[in-house]
Amino acid sequence: MFASHYVIQQIYHLFDIGDIEGTKELFNKFTSRYPADMELKELKNEFLRIIKSNNNEEMNKLKNKFKALIEARKLETSGGISTLTKKGRRPGIDSWIRLV
């Protein structure tokens, strides 16, 4: 199971307001709750690396990665394209769209 966009938004909110300790706690909480979510683990590792270096340019890149992951998870959980089958939820809609 993967973390929903709500979970990632919670982490991003604390990161955005500058609550480093709160962000670390949420990362630890949710990476242990969703051990199969590699994208979340990558964000956590990158966050920890950037915090040590205190690089503003890297922080901005990480914010963009957060936003991209939030949007991707919104699409996945709102009935968009399934990550397992790479098909839409409504069979036949893909061929209809190609005709139009």
N, C-alpha and C. Protein backbone atom coordinates (compact mmCIF):
# COMPACT_ATOMS: atom_id res chain seq x y z
N MET A 1 0.84 -1.17 0.00
CA MET A 1 0.00 0.00 0.00
C MET A 1 0.89 1.24 0.00
N PHE A 2 0.42 2.27 -0.69
CA PHE A 2 1.17 3.51 -0.80
C PHE A 2 0.48 4.62 -0.03
N ALA A 3 1.26 5.59 0.39
CA ALA A 3 0.71 6.75 1.11
C ALA A 3 -0.12 7.58 0.15
N SER A 4 -1.25 8.06 0.63
CA SER A 4 -2.12 8.88 -0.20
C SER A 4 -1.56 10.30 -0.30
N HIS A 5 -2.18 11.08 -1.16
CA HIS A 5 -1.73 12.45 -1.32
C HIS A 5 -1.98 13.27 -0.06
N TYR A 6 -2.95 12.87 0.75
CA TYR A 6 -3.20 13.57 2.01
C TYR A 6 -2.01 13.42 2.97
N VAL A 7 -1.45 12.25 3.02
CA VAL A 7 -0.29 12.00 3.88
C VAL A 7 0.89 12.86 3.42
N ILE A 8 1.12 12.88 2.14
CA ILE A 8 2.25 13.64 1.60
C ILE A 8 2.02 15.13 1.78
N GLN A 9 0.76 15.57 1.68
CA GLN A 9 0.45 16.98 1.92
C GLN A 9 0.73 17.36 3.37
N GLN A 10 0.44 16.48 4.31
CA GLN A 10 0.74 16.76 5.71
C GLN A 10 2.23 16.97 5.91
N ILE A 11 3.02 16.09 5.34
CA ILE A 11 4.48 16.20 5.48
C ILE A 11 4.96 17.47 4.80
N TYR A 12 4.45 17.73 3.60
CA TYR A 12 4.86 18.92 2.85
C TYR A 12 4.52 20.20 3.61
N HIS A 13 3.36 20.24 4.25
CA HIS A 13 2.96 21.44 4.99
C HIS A 13 3.97 21.77 6.09
N LEU A 14 4.36 20.77 6.85
CA LEU A 14 5.35 21.01 7.90
C LEU A 14 6.71 21.42 7.32
N PHE A 15 7.07 20.79 6.22
CA PHE A 15 8.33 21.12 5.55
C PHE A 15 8.29 22.56 5.04
N ASP A 16 7.16 22.95 4.48
CA ASP A 16 7.01 24.28 3.89
C ASP A 16 7.06 25.39 4.94
N ILE A 17 6.51 25.14 6.12
CA ILE A 17 6.54 26.17 7.16
C ILE A 17 7.85 26.15 7.96
N GLY A 18 8.69 25.18 7.69
CA GLY A 18 10.02 25.15 8.32
C GLY A 18 10.11 24.36 9.61
N ASP A 19 9.12 23.52 9.88
CA ASP A 19 9.15 22.69 11.09
C ASP A 19 9.94 21.41 10.78
N ILE A 20 11.25 21.48 10.97
CA ILE A 20 12.14 20.38 10.61
C ILE A 20 11.87 19.15 11.47
N GLU A 21 11.76 19.34 12.78
CA GLU A 21 11.54 18.19 13.67
C GLU A 21 10.18 17.54 13.40
N GLY A 22 9.16 18.34 13.18
CA GLY A 22 7.85 17.79 12.87
C GLY A 22 7.85 17.02 11.55
N THR A 23 8.60 17.54 10.58
CA THR A 23 8.71 16.86 9.29
C THR A 23 9.41 15.52 9.46
N LYS A 24 10.48 15.49 10.24
CA LYS A 24 11.20 14.23 10.49
C LYS A 24 10.28 13.21 11.16
N GLU A 25 9.50 13.67 12.16
CA GLU A 25 8.60 12.76 12.87
C GLU A 25 7.55 12.18 11.94
N LEU A 26 6.96 13.03 11.08
CA LEU A 26 5.95 12.51 10.15
C LEU A 26 6.57 11.57 9.13
N PHE A 27 7.76 11.90 8.64
CA PHE A 27 8.44 10.99 7.71
C PHE A 27 8.66 9.64 8.37
N ASN A 28 9.15 9.64 9.60
CA ASN A 28 9.39 8.38 10.30
C ASN A 28 8.09 7.61 10.50
N LYS A 29 7.05 8.31 10.90
CA LYS A 29 5.75 7.67 11.14
C LYS A 29 5.22 7.02 9.87
N PHE A 30 5.22 7.77 8.77
CA PHE A 30 4.59 7.27 7.55
C PHE A 30 5.48 6.32 6.75
N THR A 31 6.79 6.45 6.84
CA THR A 31 7.63 5.46 6.15
C THR A 31 7.57 4.11 6.84
N SER A 32 7.34 4.12 8.16
CA SER A 32 7.16 2.83 8.84
C SER A 32 5.76 2.26 8.59
N ARG A 33 4.78 3.13 8.41
CA ARG A 33 3.42 2.67 8.13
C ARG A 33 3.29 2.15 6.70
N TYR A 34 4.02 2.76 5.76
CA TYR A 34 3.97 2.35 4.35
C TYR A 34 5.36 1.92 3.89
N PRO A 35 5.82 0.75 4.31
CA PRO A 35 7.19 0.34 3.98
C PRO A 35 7.42 0.05 2.49
N ALA A 36 6.37 -0.20 1.74
CA ALA A 36 6.53 -0.49 0.31
C ALA A 36 6.58 0.76 -0.54
N ASP A 37 6.35 1.91 0.03
CA ASP A 37 6.31 3.16 -0.72
C ASP A 37 7.73 3.70 -0.89
N MET A 38 8.35 3.33 -1.97
CA MET A 38 9.74 3.71 -2.22
C MET A 38 9.88 5.21 -2.53
N GLU A 39 8.88 5.80 -3.18
CA GLU A 39 8.95 7.23 -3.48
C GLU A 39 8.97 8.06 -2.20
N LEU A 40 8.18 7.64 -1.22
CA LEU A 40 8.16 8.32 0.07
C LEU A 40 9.49 8.16 0.79
N LYS A 41 10.07 6.97 0.71
CA LYS A 41 11.39 6.74 1.33
C LYS A 41 12.47 7.59 0.65
N GLU A 42 12.39 7.72 -0.67
CA GLU A 42 13.35 8.55 -1.39
C GLU A 42 13.24 10.01 -0.98
N LEU A 43 11.99 10.48 -0.83
CA LEU A 43 11.79 11.86 -0.37
C LEU A 43 12.39 12.06 1.02
N LYS A 44 12.18 11.08 1.89
CA LYS A 44 12.71 11.18 3.25
C LYS A 44 14.23 11.24 3.23
N ASN A 45 14.86 10.34 2.47
CA ASN A 45 16.33 10.33 2.40
C ASN A 45 16.88 11.63 1.83
N GLU A 46 16.20 12.14 0.80
CA GLU A 46 16.65 13.39 0.20
C GLU A 46 16.45 14.55 1.18
N PHE A 47 15.34 14.53 1.92
CA PHE A 47 15.08 15.55 2.94
C PHE A 47 16.19 15.55 3.99
N LEU A 48 16.54 14.38 4.49
CA LEU A 48 17.58 14.30 5.51
C LEU A 48 18.92 14.77 4.99
N ARG A 49 19.21 14.46 3.73
CA ARG A 49 20.48 14.90 3.13
C ARG A 49 20.51 16.42 2.97
N ILE A 50 19.39 16.99 2.53
CA ILE A 50 19.34 18.44 2.29
C ILE A 50 19.39 19.22 3.60
N ILE A 51 18.76 18.68 4.64
CA ILE A 51 18.78 19.35 5.94
C ILE A 51 20.22 19.48 6.45
N LYS A 52 21.01 18.45 6.23
CA LYS A 52 22.41 18.50 6.68
C LYS A 52 23.21 19.54 5.90
N SER A 53 22.94 19.65 4.59
CA SER A 53 23.70 20.57 3.75
C SER A 53 23.17 22.00 3.82
N ASN A 54 21.88 22.16 4.16
CA ASN A 54 21.23 23.48 4.28
C ASN A 54 21.36 24.29 3.00
N ASN A 55 21.07 23.66 1.87
CA ASN A 55 21.17 24.27 0.56
C ASN A 55 19.77 24.71 0.10
N ASN A 56 19.58 26.02 -0.11
CA ASN A 56 18.27 26.55 -0.49
C ASN A 56 17.83 26.08 -1.87
N GLU A 57 18.76 25.96 -2.79
CA GLU A 57 18.42 25.51 -4.14
C GLU A 57 17.89 24.07 -4.11
N GLU A 58 18.54 23.24 -3.32
CA GLU A 58 18.10 21.86 -3.18
C GLU A 58 16.74 21.79 -2.48
N MET A 59 16.50 22.70 -1.52
CA MET A 59 15.20 22.75 -0.84
C MET A 59 14.09 23.04 -1.84
N ASN A 60 14.33 23.96 -2.76
CA ASN A 60 13.32 24.29 -3.77
C ASN A 60 13.05 23.11 -4.69
N LYS A 61 14.11 22.38 -5.04
CA LYS A 61 13.93 21.19 -5.87
C LYS A 61 13.11 20.14 -5.13
N LEU A 62 13.36 20.00 -3.84
CA LEU A 62 12.61 19.03 -3.04
C LEU A 62 11.14 19.44 -2.94
N LYS A 63 10.87 20.73 -2.81
CA LYS A 63 9.48 21.19 -2.80
C LYS A 63 8.77 20.83 -4.10
N ASN A 64 9.47 20.97 -5.21
CA ASN A 64 8.88 20.61 -6.50
C ASN A 64 8.61 19.11 -6.58
N LYS A 65 9.50 18.31 -6.01
CA LYS A 65 9.29 16.86 -6.00
C LYS A 65 8.08 16.50 -5.14
N PHE A 66 7.94 17.19 -4.01
CA PHE A 66 6.77 16.98 -3.16
C PHE A 66 5.49 17.26 -3.95
N LYS A 67 5.47 18.41 -4.61
CA LYS A 67 4.27 18.81 -5.36
C LYS A 67 3.95 17.82 -6.48
N ALA A 68 4.98 17.36 -7.16
CA ALA A 68 4.78 16.39 -8.24
C ALA A 68 4.23 15.07 -7.71
N LEU A 69 4.75 14.62 -6.58
CA LEU A 69 4.28 13.38 -6.00
C LEU A 69 2.85 13.52 -5.50
N ILE A 70 2.52 14.66 -4.93
CA ILE A 70 1.14 14.90 -4.48
C ILE A 70 0.19 14.83 -5.66
N GLU A 71 0.54 15.48 -6.76
CA GLU A 71 -0.33 15.46 -7.94
C GLU A 71 -0.45 14.06 -8.52
N ALA A 72 0.65 13.32 -8.54
CA ALA A 72 0.61 11.95 -9.07
C ALA A 72 -0.29 11.07 -8.21
N ARG A 73 -0.19 11.22 -6.89
CA ARG A 73 -1.02 10.41 -6.00
C ARG A 73 -2.49 10.81 -6.10
N LYS A 74 -2.75 12.09 -6.33
CA LYS A 74 -4.14 12.52 -6.52
C LYS A 74 -4.74 11.82 -7.73
N LEU A 75 -3.98 11.76 -8.79
CA LEU A 75 -4.46 11.12 -10.01
C LEU A 75 -4.70 9.63 -9.78
N GLU A 76 -3.79 8.98 -9.07
CA GLU A 76 -3.93 7.55 -8.82
C GLU A 76 -5.13 7.23 -7.95
N THR A 77 -5.37 8.04 -6.93
CA THR A 77 -6.45 7.75 -5.99
C THR A 77 -7.80 8.27 -6.45
N SER A 78 -7.82 9.12 -7.45
CA SER A 78 -9.09 9.68 -7.91
C SER A 78 -9.67 8.91 -9.08
N GLY A 79 -9.15 7.76 -9.36
CA GLY A 79 -9.70 6.95 -10.44
C GLY A 79 -9.01 7.19 -11.76
N GLY A 80 -7.83 7.71 -11.71
CA GLY A 80 -7.06 7.92 -12.93
C GLY A 80 -6.51 6.60 -13.43
N ILE A 81 -5.30 6.60 -13.83
CA ILE A 81 -4.67 5.41 -14.39
C ILE A 81 -4.16 4.53 -13.26
N SER A 82 -4.48 3.26 -13.32
CA SER A 82 -4.02 2.31 -12.32
C SER A 82 -2.53 2.08 -12.49
N THR A 83 -1.82 2.06 -11.38
CA THR A 83 -0.37 1.83 -11.46
C THR A 83 -0.04 0.36 -11.70
N LEU A 84 -0.98 -0.52 -11.42
CA LEU A 84 -0.72 -1.94 -11.60
C LEU A 84 -0.96 -2.39 -13.03
N THR A 85 -2.06 -1.95 -13.62
CA THR A 85 -2.40 -2.42 -14.96
C THR A 85 -2.15 -1.40 -16.03
N LYS A 86 -1.93 -0.15 -15.64
CA LYS A 86 -1.74 0.96 -16.59
C LYS A 86 -2.96 1.13 -17.49
N LYS A 87 -4.13 0.80 -16.99
CA LYS A 87 -5.37 0.98 -17.72
C LYS A 87 -6.28 1.90 -16.93
N GLY A 88 -7.16 2.59 -17.62
CA GLY A 88 -8.14 3.44 -16.96
C GLY A 88 -9.19 2.59 -16.26
N ARG A 89 -9.95 3.21 -15.38
CA ARG A 89 -10.98 2.48 -14.64
C ARG A 89 -12.16 2.11 -15.50
N ARG A 90 -12.41 2.90 -16.56
CA ARG A 90 -13.56 2.62 -17.41
C ARG A 90 -13.08 1.96 -18.70
N PRO A 91 -13.33 0.67 -18.85
CA PRO A 91 -12.86 0.00 -20.07
C PRO A 91 -13.56 0.56 -21.30
N GLY A 92 -12.80 0.74 -22.32
CA GLY A 92 -13.35 1.24 -23.57
C GLY A 92 -13.23 2.73 -23.74
N ILE A 93 -13.01 3.46 -22.66
CA ILE A 93 -12.93 4.91 -22.76
C ILE A 93 -11.69 5.34 -23.55
N ASP A 94 -10.61 4.56 -23.44
CA ASP A 94 -9.38 4.91 -24.16
C ASP A 94 -9.59 4.87 -25.67
N SER A 95 -10.30 3.85 -26.15
CA SER A 95 -10.54 3.77 -27.60
C SER A 95 -11.50 4.84 -28.04
N TRP A 96 -12.47 5.21 -27.19
CA TRP A 96 -13.42 6.26 -27.55
C TRP A 96 -12.71 7.59 -27.65
N ILE A 97 -11.77 7.84 -26.75
CA ILE A 97 -11.04 9.11 -26.77
C ILE A 97 -10.21 9.22 -28.02
N ARG A 98 -9.65 8.13 -28.48
CA ARG A 98 -8.83 8.15 -29.69
C ARG A 98 -9.68 8.47 -30.93
N LEU A 99 -10.95 8.08 -30.91
CA LEU A 99 -11.83 8.33 -32.04
C LEU A 99 -12.23 9.80 -32.14
N VAL A 100 -12.28 10.47 -31.02
CA VAL A 100 -12.74 11.85 -31.01
C VAL A 100 -11.67 12.77 -31.39
